[in-house]
Amino acid sequence: METVGDGRTEQEARTVPEDGNGPGRRPVNLPETVRLSGPGMVLREWEDGDLDAMTKLFDDPDVAYWTPLVSPFGPQAARTYLERSRQRRVAGESLQLAITVDGGEPAGEVLLMFRELGLDMAMIGYSVGAAYRGRGLATAAVRTMTEFARETVGVDRLLLEIEDDNAASVAVARAAGYRLTDAPPVSLEEKGRPITLRTWEYAGSDAREANPA
């Protein structure tokens, strides 16, 4: 079952390593509109008409458990989330795309998050709705966003942060070509429970081929 990878999908709650945050960072310039295709899925920009679908996707016990998103996640939360995602995009902080099968109904979300790291380092987050899990959509979305970040945007290093207990997200990370690093785990408290995040880094197509989806 694919649930959430990179554990945290709400940027305010993220913790990022310090080693990519020095002077001389290259600025982030994202294309005006992004639409990406991968095996069996299309990534596209969120639209105003997606608010109902967003509510259905994110108002879910698994999403509530593995991410900092508010719970219950109702229509107002969806509107706020969409507005914030657009503000972050304009600021060059993130790119948040809906995961779809054919460019229509959203099945989840994949995020490319820069914060203050510029192009030295970025993080990817992902979530797939309950009705769409088990189809390989998260793996395809992470692979496609990784390729876009590296080849089009020019990101040097791509990371995921995942809780060890999130077996579905660990499986997606491996299948998408990411490997667990030896970076110290990050411990914090979220929604009243302690969590420990481990860092995964993209290791290239060789790692992906060794861990097929």
N, C-alpha and C. Protein backbone atom coordinates (compact mmCIF):
# COMPACT_ATOMS: atom_id res chain seq x y z
N MET A 1 0.84 -1.20 0.00
CA MET A 1 0.00 0.00 0.00
C MET A 1 0.87 1.24 0.00
N GLU A 2 0.65 2.15 -0.94
CA GLU A 2 1.39 3.41 -0.98
C GLU A 2 0.62 4.45 -0.18
N THR A 3 1.26 5.03 0.79
CA THR A 3 0.59 6.05 1.59
C THR A 3 1.28 7.39 1.41
N VAL A 4 2.30 7.63 2.19
CA VAL A 4 3.00 8.90 2.12
C VAL A 4 4.48 8.66 2.14
N GLY A 5 5.21 9.28 1.23
CA GLY A 5 6.65 9.22 1.25
C GLY A 5 7.21 10.55 1.66
N ASP A 6 8.41 10.55 2.18
CA ASP A 6 9.04 11.75 2.67
C ASP A 6 8.23 12.28 3.84
N GLY A 7 7.34 11.50 4.37
CA GLY A 7 6.59 11.76 5.57
C GLY A 7 5.93 13.10 5.70
N ARG A 8 6.65 14.19 5.53
CA ARG A 8 6.10 15.50 5.81
C ARG A 8 5.74 16.20 4.52
N THR A 9 4.49 16.59 4.33
CA THR A 9 4.10 17.29 3.12
C THR A 9 3.75 18.75 3.39
N GLU A 10 3.81 19.21 4.63
CA GLU A 10 3.51 20.60 4.94
C GLU A 10 4.81 21.29 5.31
N GLN A 11 5.22 22.28 4.51
CA GLN A 11 6.58 22.78 4.61
C GLN A 11 6.93 23.38 5.96
N GLU A 12 5.98 24.00 6.66
CA GLU A 12 6.32 24.62 7.93
C GLU A 12 6.89 23.62 8.93
N ALA A 13 6.55 22.36 8.76
CA ALA A 13 6.96 21.35 9.74
C ALA A 13 8.26 20.65 9.35
N ARG A 14 8.85 21.02 8.23
CA ARG A 14 10.01 20.30 7.76
C ARG A 14 11.27 20.71 8.49
N THR A 15 12.18 19.75 8.64
CA THR A 15 13.52 20.02 9.13
C THR A 15 14.49 19.68 8.01
N VAL A 16 15.41 20.60 7.70
CA VAL A 16 16.32 20.37 6.59
C VAL A 16 17.75 20.39 7.09
N PRO A 17 18.65 19.61 6.45
CA PRO A 17 20.06 19.61 6.84
C PRO A 17 20.68 20.98 6.60
N GLU A 18 21.72 21.30 7.33
CA GLU A 18 22.35 22.60 7.22
C GLU A 18 23.42 22.66 6.15
N ASP A 19 23.91 21.49 5.69
CA ASP A 19 25.08 21.52 4.83
C ASP A 19 24.80 22.04 3.43
N GLY A 20 23.53 22.19 3.03
CA GLY A 20 23.23 22.75 1.72
C GLY A 20 22.75 24.17 1.81
N ASN A 21 22.96 24.85 2.94
CA ASN A 21 22.32 26.12 3.19
C ASN A 21 23.33 27.25 3.31
N GLY A 22 24.47 27.14 2.62
CA GLY A 22 25.50 28.15 2.74
C GLY A 22 25.34 29.24 1.70
N PRO A 23 26.28 30.19 1.67
CA PRO A 23 26.22 31.29 0.71
C PRO A 23 26.47 30.80 -0.71
N GLY A 24 26.13 31.64 -1.69
CA GLY A 24 26.38 31.31 -3.08
C GLY A 24 25.39 30.35 -3.68
N ARG A 25 24.20 30.20 -3.08
CA ARG A 25 23.20 29.27 -3.62
C ARG A 25 22.67 29.80 -4.95
N ARG A 26 22.43 28.90 -5.88
CA ARG A 26 21.84 29.29 -7.15
C ARG A 26 20.34 29.48 -6.98
N PRO A 27 19.75 30.52 -7.56
CA PRO A 27 18.32 30.76 -7.40
C PRO A 27 17.49 29.72 -8.13
N VAL A 28 16.26 29.52 -7.68
CA VAL A 28 15.34 28.57 -8.28
C VAL A 28 14.45 29.30 -9.27
N ASN A 29 14.47 28.86 -10.51
CA ASN A 29 13.59 29.42 -11.54
C ASN A 29 12.76 28.29 -12.12
N LEU A 30 11.50 28.23 -11.74
CA LEU A 30 10.62 27.17 -12.21
C LEU A 30 9.89 27.60 -13.47
N PRO A 31 9.61 26.66 -14.38
CA PRO A 31 8.79 26.99 -15.55
C PRO A 31 7.44 27.56 -15.13
N GLU A 32 6.85 28.39 -15.97
CA GLU A 32 5.58 29.03 -15.63
C GLU A 32 4.48 28.00 -15.40
N THR A 33 4.46 26.97 -16.22
CA THR A 33 3.50 25.88 -16.07
C THR A 33 4.24 24.56 -16.21
N VAL A 34 3.90 23.61 -15.35
CA VAL A 34 4.57 22.31 -15.38
C VAL A 34 3.52 21.21 -15.57
N ARG A 35 3.76 20.37 -16.53
CA ARG A 35 2.94 19.17 -16.76
C ARG A 35 3.91 18.07 -17.18
N LEU A 36 3.96 17.01 -16.40
CA LEU A 36 4.94 15.95 -16.62
C LEU A 36 4.24 14.62 -16.80
N SER A 37 4.76 13.78 -17.67
CA SER A 37 4.19 12.46 -17.90
C SER A 37 5.20 11.39 -17.52
N GLY A 38 4.69 10.33 -16.90
CA GLY A 38 5.51 9.18 -16.56
C GLY A 38 4.70 7.92 -16.81
N PRO A 39 5.25 6.76 -16.49
CA PRO A 39 4.55 5.50 -16.74
C PRO A 39 3.20 5.45 -16.02
N GLY A 40 2.13 5.48 -16.77
CA GLY A 40 0.80 5.32 -16.21
C GLY A 40 0.27 6.50 -15.41
N MET A 41 0.90 7.68 -15.54
CA MET A 41 0.40 8.82 -14.78
C MET A 41 0.87 10.13 -15.40
N VAL A 42 0.15 11.20 -15.01
CA VAL A 42 0.46 12.56 -15.44
C VAL A 42 0.49 13.45 -14.20
N LEU A 43 1.51 14.28 -14.08
CA LEU A 43 1.60 15.26 -13.01
C LEU A 43 1.21 16.62 -13.59
N ARG A 44 0.33 17.30 -12.91
CA ARG A 44 -0.13 18.60 -13.40
C ARG A 44 -0.30 19.57 -12.23
N GLU A 45 -0.45 20.85 -12.56
CA GLU A 45 -0.69 21.87 -11.55
C GLU A 45 -2.06 21.67 -10.90
N TRP A 46 -2.14 21.99 -9.60
CA TRP A 46 -3.44 21.99 -8.93
C TRP A 46 -4.30 23.13 -9.48
N GLU A 47 -5.62 22.90 -9.54
CA GLU A 47 -6.56 23.89 -10.06
C GLU A 47 -7.65 24.16 -9.02
N ASP A 48 -8.34 25.28 -9.18
CA ASP A 48 -9.42 25.62 -8.25
C ASP A 48 -10.48 24.53 -8.20
N GLY A 49 -10.72 23.90 -9.33
CA GLY A 49 -11.74 22.86 -9.38
C GLY A 49 -11.35 21.57 -8.69
N ASP A 50 -10.13 21.49 -8.15
CA ASP A 50 -9.65 20.28 -7.48
C ASP A 50 -9.93 20.26 -5.99
N LEU A 51 -10.55 21.30 -5.44
CA LEU A 51 -10.68 21.41 -3.99
C LEU A 51 -11.45 20.24 -3.39
N ASP A 52 -12.53 19.82 -4.01
CA ASP A 52 -13.30 18.69 -3.48
C ASP A 52 -12.46 17.42 -3.50
N ALA A 53 -11.75 17.20 -4.60
CA ALA A 53 -10.90 16.01 -4.71
C ALA A 53 -9.77 16.07 -3.68
N MET A 54 -9.20 17.25 -3.47
CA MET A 54 -8.14 17.40 -2.49
C MET A 54 -8.63 17.04 -1.09
N THR A 55 -9.85 17.48 -0.78
CA THR A 55 -10.43 17.17 0.53
C THR A 55 -10.57 15.66 0.71
N LYS A 56 -11.05 14.98 -0.31
CA LYS A 56 -11.22 13.53 -0.23
C LYS A 56 -9.88 12.81 -0.07
N LEU A 57 -8.86 13.30 -0.77
CA LEU A 57 -7.55 12.66 -0.72
C LEU A 57 -6.87 12.83 0.63
N PHE A 58 -6.94 14.04 1.21
CA PHE A 58 -6.16 14.36 2.40
C PHE A 58 -6.93 14.17 3.70
N ASP A 59 -8.25 14.05 3.63
CA ASP A 59 -9.03 13.78 4.84
C ASP A 59 -9.07 12.27 5.05
N ASP A 60 -7.92 11.72 5.43
CA ASP A 60 -7.71 10.28 5.45
C ASP A 60 -6.87 9.93 6.68
N PRO A 61 -7.18 8.86 7.39
CA PRO A 61 -6.43 8.52 8.62
C PRO A 61 -4.93 8.32 8.37
N ASP A 62 -4.56 7.69 7.26
CA ASP A 62 -3.15 7.47 6.98
C ASP A 62 -2.42 8.79 6.73
N VAL A 63 -3.05 9.68 5.95
CA VAL A 63 -2.45 10.98 5.69
C VAL A 63 -2.33 11.77 6.99
N ALA A 64 -3.37 11.70 7.82
CA ALA A 64 -3.34 12.40 9.10
C ALA A 64 -2.22 11.88 9.99
N TYR A 65 -1.96 10.58 9.93
CA TYR A 65 -0.94 9.99 10.79
C TYR A 65 0.48 10.31 10.31
N TRP A 66 0.71 10.19 9.01
CA TRP A 66 2.07 10.30 8.49
C TRP A 66 2.50 11.70 8.11
N THR A 67 1.59 12.66 8.09
CA THR A 67 1.94 14.02 7.67
C THR A 67 1.47 15.05 8.70
N PRO A 68 1.99 16.28 8.59
CA PRO A 68 1.55 17.36 9.48
C PRO A 68 0.25 18.02 9.04
N LEU A 69 -0.37 17.56 7.96
CA LEU A 69 -1.61 18.18 7.50
C LEU A 69 -2.68 18.14 8.59
N VAL A 70 -3.48 19.20 8.64
CA VAL A 70 -4.51 19.29 9.67
C VAL A 70 -5.52 18.16 9.49
N SER A 71 -6.09 17.73 10.59
CA SER A 71 -7.10 16.68 10.57
C SER A 71 -8.19 17.02 11.59
N PRO A 72 -9.46 16.98 11.15
CA PRO A 72 -9.94 16.64 9.80
C PRO A 72 -9.54 17.70 8.78
N PHE A 73 -9.42 17.25 7.53
CA PHE A 73 -9.02 18.11 6.43
C PHE A 73 -10.25 18.43 5.60
N GLY A 74 -10.87 19.58 5.88
CA GLY A 74 -12.12 19.95 5.23
C GLY A 74 -11.92 20.94 4.09
N PRO A 75 -13.02 21.47 3.54
CA PRO A 75 -12.94 22.39 2.39
C PRO A 75 -12.10 23.63 2.67
N GLN A 76 -12.20 24.22 3.87
CA GLN A 76 -11.40 25.40 4.17
C GLN A 76 -9.92 25.06 4.24
N ALA A 77 -9.61 23.90 4.81
CA ALA A 77 -8.21 23.46 4.85
C ALA A 77 -7.67 23.27 3.44
N ALA A 78 -8.50 22.74 2.54
CA ALA A 78 -8.07 22.55 1.16
C ALA A 78 -7.80 23.88 0.49
N ARG A 79 -8.69 24.85 0.69
CA ARG A 79 -8.49 26.17 0.10
C ARG A 79 -7.21 26.82 0.61
N THR A 80 -6.99 26.73 1.92
CA THR A 80 -5.78 27.30 2.51
C THR A 80 -4.54 26.62 1.97
N TYR A 81 -4.59 25.31 1.86
CA TYR A 81 -3.44 24.54 1.37
C TYR A 81 -3.11 24.92 -0.07
N LEU A 82 -4.15 25.07 -0.90
CA LEU A 82 -3.95 25.44 -2.29
C LEU A 82 -3.34 26.84 -2.40
N GLU A 83 -3.87 27.77 -1.61
CA GLU A 83 -3.35 29.14 -1.64
C GLU A 83 -1.88 29.19 -1.21
N ARG A 84 -1.55 28.45 -0.16
CA ARG A 84 -0.17 28.43 0.31
C ARG A 84 0.76 27.78 -0.72
N SER A 85 0.27 26.74 -1.39
CA SER A 85 1.10 26.09 -2.40
C SER A 85 1.43 27.06 -3.53
N ARG A 86 0.47 27.90 -3.89
CA ARG A 86 0.70 28.87 -4.96
C ARG A 86 1.66 29.97 -4.51
N GLN A 87 1.54 30.39 -3.27
CA GLN A 87 2.46 31.40 -2.73
C GLN A 87 3.89 30.87 -2.71
N ARG A 88 4.04 29.63 -2.31
CA ARG A 88 5.38 29.03 -2.25
C ARG A 88 5.98 28.86 -3.65
N ARG A 89 5.13 28.56 -4.60
CA ARG A 89 5.61 28.41 -5.97
C ARG A 89 6.14 29.73 -6.49
N VAL A 90 5.40 30.81 -6.29
CA VAL A 90 5.81 32.13 -6.73
C VAL A 90 7.13 32.54 -6.06
N ALA A 91 7.27 32.16 -4.79
CA ALA A 91 8.47 32.50 -4.03
C ALA A 91 9.66 31.60 -4.37
N GLY A 92 9.45 30.60 -5.20
CA GLY A 92 10.52 29.68 -5.55
C GLY A 92 10.86 28.72 -4.43
N GLU A 93 9.90 28.45 -3.54
CA GLU A 93 10.12 27.56 -2.41
C GLU A 93 9.71 26.13 -2.71
N SER A 94 8.72 25.96 -3.57
CA SER A 94 8.27 24.60 -3.84
C SER A 94 7.47 24.53 -5.12
N LEU A 95 7.32 23.30 -5.60
CA LEU A 95 6.43 22.99 -6.71
C LEU A 95 5.58 21.82 -6.25
N GLN A 96 4.27 22.00 -6.20
CA GLN A 96 3.35 20.97 -5.74
C GLN A 96 2.42 20.62 -6.88
N LEU A 97 2.47 19.35 -7.30
CA LEU A 97 1.70 18.90 -8.45
C LEU A 97 0.73 17.79 -8.06
N ALA A 98 -0.43 17.80 -8.69
CA ALA A 98 -1.39 16.72 -8.51
C ALA A 98 -0.93 15.50 -9.30
N ILE A 99 -1.00 14.33 -8.68
CA ILE A 99 -0.76 13.07 -9.38
C ILE A 99 -2.07 12.62 -9.98
N THR A 100 -2.10 12.37 -11.28
CA THR A 100 -3.30 11.89 -11.94
C THR A 100 -2.95 10.69 -12.82
N VAL A 101 -3.98 9.98 -13.24
CA VAL A 101 -3.77 8.87 -14.18
C VAL A 101 -3.65 9.39 -15.60
N ASP A 102 -4.51 10.38 -15.94
CA ASP A 102 -4.57 10.85 -17.32
C ASP A 102 -4.66 12.37 -17.43
N GLY A 103 -4.30 13.09 -16.37
CA GLY A 103 -4.41 14.54 -16.38
C GLY A 103 -5.71 15.05 -15.82
N GLY A 104 -6.61 14.15 -15.43
CA GLY A 104 -7.91 14.55 -14.90
C GLY A 104 -7.98 14.51 -13.40
N GLU A 105 -8.77 13.59 -12.84
CA GLU A 105 -9.03 13.51 -11.41
C GLU A 105 -7.74 13.29 -10.62
N PRO A 106 -7.48 14.13 -9.60
CA PRO A 106 -6.28 13.95 -8.78
C PRO A 106 -6.33 12.64 -7.98
N ALA A 107 -5.20 11.96 -7.94
CA ALA A 107 -5.08 10.73 -7.16
C ALA A 107 -4.12 10.90 -5.99
N GLY A 108 -3.44 12.05 -5.94
CA GLY A 108 -2.47 12.30 -4.89
C GLY A 108 -1.68 13.53 -5.21
N GLU A 109 -0.52 13.67 -4.56
CA GLU A 109 0.32 14.85 -4.74
C GLU A 109 1.79 14.47 -4.64
N VAL A 110 2.62 15.17 -5.42
CA VAL A 110 4.07 15.06 -5.28
C VAL A 110 4.62 16.48 -5.19
N LEU A 111 5.58 16.68 -4.28
CA LEU A 111 6.11 18.01 -4.00
C LEU A 111 7.62 18.04 -4.20
N LEU A 112 8.10 19.13 -4.75
CA LEU A 112 9.53 19.41 -4.83
C LEU A 112 9.76 20.66 -3.99
N MET A 113 10.51 20.53 -2.90
CA MET A 113 10.60 21.60 -1.90
C MET A 113 12.03 22.11 -1.78
N PHE A 114 12.18 23.44 -1.96
CA PHE A 114 13.49 24.06 -1.92
C PHE A 114 13.76 24.79 -0.60
N ARG A 115 12.75 25.48 -0.11
CA ARG A 115 12.95 26.37 1.03
C ARG A 115 14.13 27.30 0.73
N GLU A 116 15.07 27.44 1.68
CA GLU A 116 16.20 28.33 1.48
C GLU A 116 17.41 27.62 0.87
N LEU A 117 17.21 26.39 0.41
CA LEU A 117 18.35 25.61 -0.06
C LEU A 117 18.77 25.92 -1.50
N GLY A 118 17.96 26.66 -2.25
CA GLY A 118 18.30 26.89 -3.65
C GLY A 118 18.40 25.59 -4.41
N LEU A 119 19.30 25.54 -5.38
CA LEU A 119 19.43 24.34 -6.20
C LEU A 119 20.48 23.37 -5.68
N ASP A 120 21.13 23.70 -4.58
CA ASP A 120 22.11 22.77 -4.03
C ASP A 120 21.45 21.49 -3.56
N MET A 121 20.25 21.62 -3.02
CA MET A 121 19.58 20.47 -2.43
C MET A 121 18.07 20.73 -2.41
N ALA A 122 17.27 19.71 -2.61
CA ALA A 122 15.83 19.84 -2.51
C ALA A 122 15.27 18.53 -1.98
N MET A 123 14.04 18.60 -1.52
CA MET A 123 13.38 17.41 -0.98
C MET A 123 12.10 17.13 -1.75
N ILE A 124 11.76 15.86 -1.82
CA ILE A 124 10.53 15.44 -2.48
C ILE A 124 9.61 14.82 -1.44
N GLY A 125 8.33 15.15 -1.55
CA GLY A 125 7.30 14.54 -0.72
C GLY A 125 6.22 13.98 -1.61
N TYR A 126 5.46 13.00 -1.12
CA TYR A 126 4.43 12.39 -1.96
C TYR A 126 3.34 11.77 -1.11
N SER A 127 2.15 11.78 -1.65
CA SER A 127 1.00 11.18 -0.98
C SER A 127 0.02 10.70 -2.03
N VAL A 128 -0.53 9.51 -1.83
CA VAL A 128 -1.51 8.94 -2.76
C VAL A 128 -2.78 8.61 -1.99
N GLY A 129 -3.93 8.99 -2.54
CA GLY A 129 -5.20 8.76 -1.89
C GLY A 129 -5.52 7.28 -1.75
N ALA A 130 -6.34 6.96 -0.76
CA ALA A 130 -6.64 5.56 -0.43
C ALA A 130 -7.19 4.78 -1.62
N ALA A 131 -8.01 5.42 -2.44
CA ALA A 131 -8.65 4.72 -3.55
C ALA A 131 -7.68 4.41 -4.69
N TYR A 132 -6.48 5.00 -4.64
CA TYR A 132 -5.55 4.86 -5.77
C TYR A 132 -4.26 4.13 -5.38
N ARG A 133 -4.19 3.62 -4.17
CA ARG A 133 -2.95 2.97 -3.73
C ARG A 133 -2.81 1.58 -4.35
N GLY A 134 -1.57 1.13 -4.41
CA GLY A 134 -1.29 -0.19 -4.96
C GLY A 134 -1.15 -0.22 -6.47
N ARG A 135 -1.12 0.94 -7.12
CA ARG A 135 -1.01 1.00 -8.58
C ARG A 135 0.36 1.46 -9.06
N GLY A 136 1.26 1.74 -8.15
CA GLY A 136 2.58 2.23 -8.53
C GLY A 136 2.64 3.71 -8.84
N LEU A 137 1.59 4.46 -8.48
CA LEU A 137 1.55 5.88 -8.81
C LEU A 137 2.60 6.68 -8.05
N ALA A 138 2.80 6.37 -6.78
CA ALA A 138 3.79 7.12 -6.00
C ALA A 138 5.18 6.92 -6.56
N THR A 139 5.53 5.68 -6.89
CA THR A 139 6.85 5.41 -7.45
C THR A 139 7.05 6.14 -8.77
N ALA A 140 6.05 6.08 -9.64
CA ALA A 140 6.15 6.76 -10.93
C ALA A 140 6.26 8.27 -10.75
N ALA A 141 5.51 8.81 -9.79
CA ALA A 141 5.54 10.25 -9.55
C ALA A 141 6.89 10.70 -9.02
N VAL A 142 7.46 9.94 -8.09
CA VAL A 142 8.76 10.30 -7.53
C VAL A 142 9.85 10.19 -8.60
N ARG A 143 9.82 9.14 -9.39
CA ARG A 143 10.80 9.01 -10.47
C ARG A 143 10.71 10.19 -11.44
N THR A 144 9.49 10.55 -11.81
CA THR A 144 9.29 11.63 -12.79
C THR A 144 9.70 12.97 -12.21
N MET A 145 9.33 13.24 -10.96
CA MET A 145 9.71 14.51 -10.33
C MET A 145 11.22 14.57 -10.12
N THR A 146 11.84 13.44 -9.81
CA THR A 146 13.29 13.40 -9.64
C THR A 146 13.99 13.75 -10.95
N GLU A 147 13.54 13.16 -12.04
CA GLU A 147 14.12 13.44 -13.35
C GLU A 147 13.95 14.91 -13.71
N PHE A 148 12.77 15.45 -13.47
CA PHE A 148 12.49 16.86 -13.76
C PHE A 148 13.40 17.77 -12.93
N ALA A 149 13.53 17.46 -11.64
CA ALA A 149 14.34 18.29 -10.75
C ALA A 149 15.80 18.30 -11.18
N ARG A 150 16.30 17.15 -11.58
CA ARG A 150 17.71 17.04 -11.95
C ARG A 150 17.98 17.62 -13.34
N GLU A 151 17.17 17.26 -14.32
CA GLU A 151 17.49 17.57 -15.71
C GLU A 151 16.93 18.91 -16.17
N THR A 152 15.79 19.33 -15.63
CA THR A 152 15.17 20.59 -16.08
C THR A 152 15.48 21.73 -15.12
N VAL A 153 15.31 21.49 -13.82
CA VAL A 153 15.54 22.55 -12.83
C VAL A 153 17.01 22.67 -12.47
N GLY A 154 17.73 21.55 -12.47
CA GLY A 154 19.16 21.58 -12.18
C GLY A 154 19.52 21.38 -10.73
N VAL A 155 18.73 20.62 -9.99
CA VAL A 155 19.00 20.36 -8.58
C VAL A 155 20.18 19.39 -8.46
N ASP A 156 21.09 19.67 -7.54
CA ASP A 156 22.26 18.81 -7.36
C ASP A 156 21.93 17.55 -6.57
N ARG A 157 21.27 17.71 -5.42
CA ARG A 157 20.99 16.58 -4.53
C ARG A 157 19.50 16.55 -4.22
N LEU A 158 18.93 15.36 -4.24
CA LEU A 158 17.51 15.18 -3.91
C LEU A 158 17.37 14.23 -2.74
N LEU A 159 16.58 14.65 -1.75
CA LEU A 159 16.43 13.90 -0.52
C LEU A 159 14.97 13.59 -0.24
N LEU A 160 14.76 12.54 0.54
CA LEU A 160 13.47 12.22 1.14
C LEU A 160 13.70 12.11 2.64
N GLU A 161 12.68 12.39 3.43
CA GLU A 161 12.71 12.12 4.87
C GLU A 161 11.54 11.19 5.18
N ILE A 162 11.83 10.03 5.77
CA ILE A 162 10.81 9.00 5.96
C ILE A 162 10.96 8.39 7.35
N GLU A 163 9.84 8.14 7.98
CA GLU A 163 9.85 7.40 9.24
C GLU A 163 10.12 5.92 8.93
N ASP A 164 10.90 5.28 9.79
CA ASP A 164 11.23 3.87 9.56
C ASP A 164 9.98 2.99 9.50
N ASP A 165 8.96 3.34 10.27
CA ASP A 165 7.74 2.52 10.30
C ASP A 165 6.87 2.69 9.07
N ASN A 166 7.16 3.67 8.25
CA ASN A 166 6.36 3.91 7.05
C ASN A 166 6.86 2.99 5.93
N ALA A 167 6.51 1.72 6.05
CA ALA A 167 7.04 0.70 5.13
C ALA A 167 6.67 0.98 3.68
N ALA A 168 5.47 1.50 3.44
CA ALA A 168 5.06 1.77 2.07
C ALA A 168 5.95 2.83 1.43
N SER A 169 6.28 3.87 2.20
CA SER A 169 7.11 4.93 1.66
C SER A 169 8.56 4.49 1.50
N VAL A 170 9.04 3.65 2.39
CA VAL A 170 10.38 3.09 2.24
C VAL A 170 10.47 2.30 0.94
N ALA A 171 9.44 1.52 0.65
CA ALA A 171 9.42 0.74 -0.59
C ALA A 171 9.43 1.64 -1.82
N VAL A 172 8.68 2.73 -1.77
CA VAL A 172 8.66 3.67 -2.88
C VAL A 172 10.03 4.30 -3.07
N ALA A 173 10.66 4.70 -1.97
CA ALA A 173 11.98 5.33 -2.05
C ALA A 173 12.98 4.41 -2.74
N ARG A 174 13.00 3.17 -2.33
CA ARG A 174 13.94 2.21 -2.93
C ARG A 174 13.65 2.01 -4.40
N ALA A 175 12.37 1.85 -4.74
CA ALA A 175 12.01 1.61 -6.14
C ALA A 175 12.32 2.80 -7.02
N ALA A 176 12.33 4.01 -6.44
CA ALA A 176 12.58 5.22 -7.21
C ALA A 176 14.06 5.57 -7.30
N GLY A 177 14.93 4.73 -6.70
CA GLY A 177 16.35 4.96 -6.82
C GLY A 177 17.00 5.71 -5.68
N TYR A 178 16.33 5.74 -4.52
CA TYR A 178 16.88 6.42 -3.34
C TYR A 178 17.47 5.40 -2.38
N ARG A 179 18.52 5.83 -1.67
CA ARG A 179 19.18 4.98 -0.69
C ARG A 179 19.24 5.68 0.65
N LEU A 180 19.12 4.91 1.72
CA LEU A 180 19.22 5.44 3.07
C LEU A 180 20.63 5.97 3.31
N THR A 181 20.72 7.19 3.86
CA THR A 181 22.02 7.78 4.14
C THR A 181 22.42 7.51 5.58
N ASP A 182 23.65 7.88 5.92
CA ASP A 182 24.11 7.73 7.30
C ASP A 182 23.94 9.03 8.09
N ALA A 183 23.16 9.97 7.57
CA ALA A 183 22.89 11.21 8.30
C ALA A 183 22.16 10.90 9.60
N PRO A 184 22.46 11.62 10.68
CA PRO A 184 21.76 11.38 11.95
C PRO A 184 20.26 11.56 11.77
N PRO A 185 19.45 10.70 12.36
CA PRO A 185 18.00 10.87 12.27
C PRO A 185 17.55 12.14 12.97
N VAL A 186 16.44 12.68 12.49
CA VAL A 186 15.86 13.89 13.07
C VAL A 186 14.67 13.48 13.93
N SER A 187 14.68 13.86 15.19
CA SER A 187 13.59 13.52 16.11
C SER A 187 12.83 14.78 16.47
N LEU A 188 11.52 14.70 16.45
CA LEU A 188 10.65 15.80 16.82
C LEU A 188 9.31 15.26 17.25
N GLU A 189 8.45 16.15 17.70
CA GLU A 189 7.10 15.75 18.08
C GLU A 189 6.12 16.42 17.16
N GLU A 190 5.14 15.64 16.72
CA GLU A 190 4.17 16.14 15.76
C GLU A 190 2.81 15.56 16.09
N LYS A 191 1.83 16.42 16.23
CA LYS A 191 0.47 15.99 16.56
C LYS A 191 0.46 15.12 17.82
N GLY A 192 1.31 15.48 18.77
CA GLY A 192 1.31 14.78 20.05
C GLY A 192 2.04 13.47 20.09
N ARG A 193 2.72 13.09 19.00
CA ARG A 193 3.46 11.84 19.02
C ARG A 193 4.91 12.09 18.58
N PRO A 194 5.87 11.38 19.17
CA PRO A 194 7.26 11.53 18.75
C PRO A 194 7.48 10.84 17.42
N ILE A 195 8.26 11.48 16.55
CA ILE A 195 8.58 10.88 15.26
C ILE A 195 10.09 10.99 15.03
N THR A 196 10.62 10.05 14.29
CA THR A 196 12.02 10.05 13.93
C THR A 196 12.12 9.89 12.42
N LEU A 197 12.76 10.85 11.77
CA LEU A 197 12.87 10.86 10.32
C LEU A 197 14.27 10.45 9.89
N ARG A 198 14.36 9.54 8.93
CA ARG A 198 15.63 9.13 8.35
C ARG A 198 15.74 9.74 6.95
N THR A 199 16.95 10.09 6.56
CA THR A 199 17.19 10.76 5.29
C THR A 199 17.59 9.76 4.21
N TRP A 200 16.93 9.86 3.06
CA TRP A 200 17.25 9.07 1.88
C TRP A 200 17.71 10.02 0.79
N GLU A 201 18.68 9.58 -0.02
CA GLU A 201 19.19 10.42 -1.11
C GLU A 201 19.13 9.67 -2.42
N TYR A 202 18.83 10.42 -3.49
CA TYR A 202 18.77 9.80 -4.81
C TYR A 202 20.15 9.30 -5.20
N ALA A 203 20.22 8.04 -5.59
CA ALA A 203 21.50 7.42 -5.89
C ALA A 203 21.64 7.06 -7.36
N GLY A 204 20.66 7.41 -8.19
CA GLY A 204 20.78 7.18 -9.62
C GLY A 204 20.05 5.95 -10.11
N SER A 205 20.10 5.75 -11.42
CA SER A 205 19.35 4.67 -12.06
C SER A 205 19.85 3.29 -11.63
N ASP A 206 21.14 3.18 -11.28
CA ASP A 206 21.65 1.88 -10.86
C ASP A 206 20.93 1.39 -9.62
N ALA A 207 20.70 2.29 -8.67
CA ALA A 207 19.99 1.93 -7.45
C ALA A 207 18.55 1.57 -7.77
N ARG A 208 17.95 2.27 -8.72
CA ARG A 208 16.57 1.98 -9.10
C ARG A 208 16.45 0.61 -9.73
N GLU A 209 17.39 0.27 -10.58
CA GLU A 209 17.34 -1.02 -11.23
C GLU A 209 17.56 -2.17 -10.24
N ALA A 210 18.31 -1.89 -9.16
CA ALA A 210 18.54 -2.90 -8.15
C ALA A 210 17.34 -3.08 -7.24
N ASN A 211 16.43 -2.07 -7.26
CA ASN A 211 15.23 -2.12 -6.41
C ASN A 211 14.01 -1.81 -7.28
N PRO A 212 13.63 -2.68 -8.20
CA PRO A 212 12.53 -2.39 -9.12
C PRO A 212 11.20 -2.25 -8.37
N ALA A 213 10.27 -1.49 -8.97
CA ALA A 213 8.95 -1.30 -8.37
C ALA A 213 8.17 -2.60 -8.36
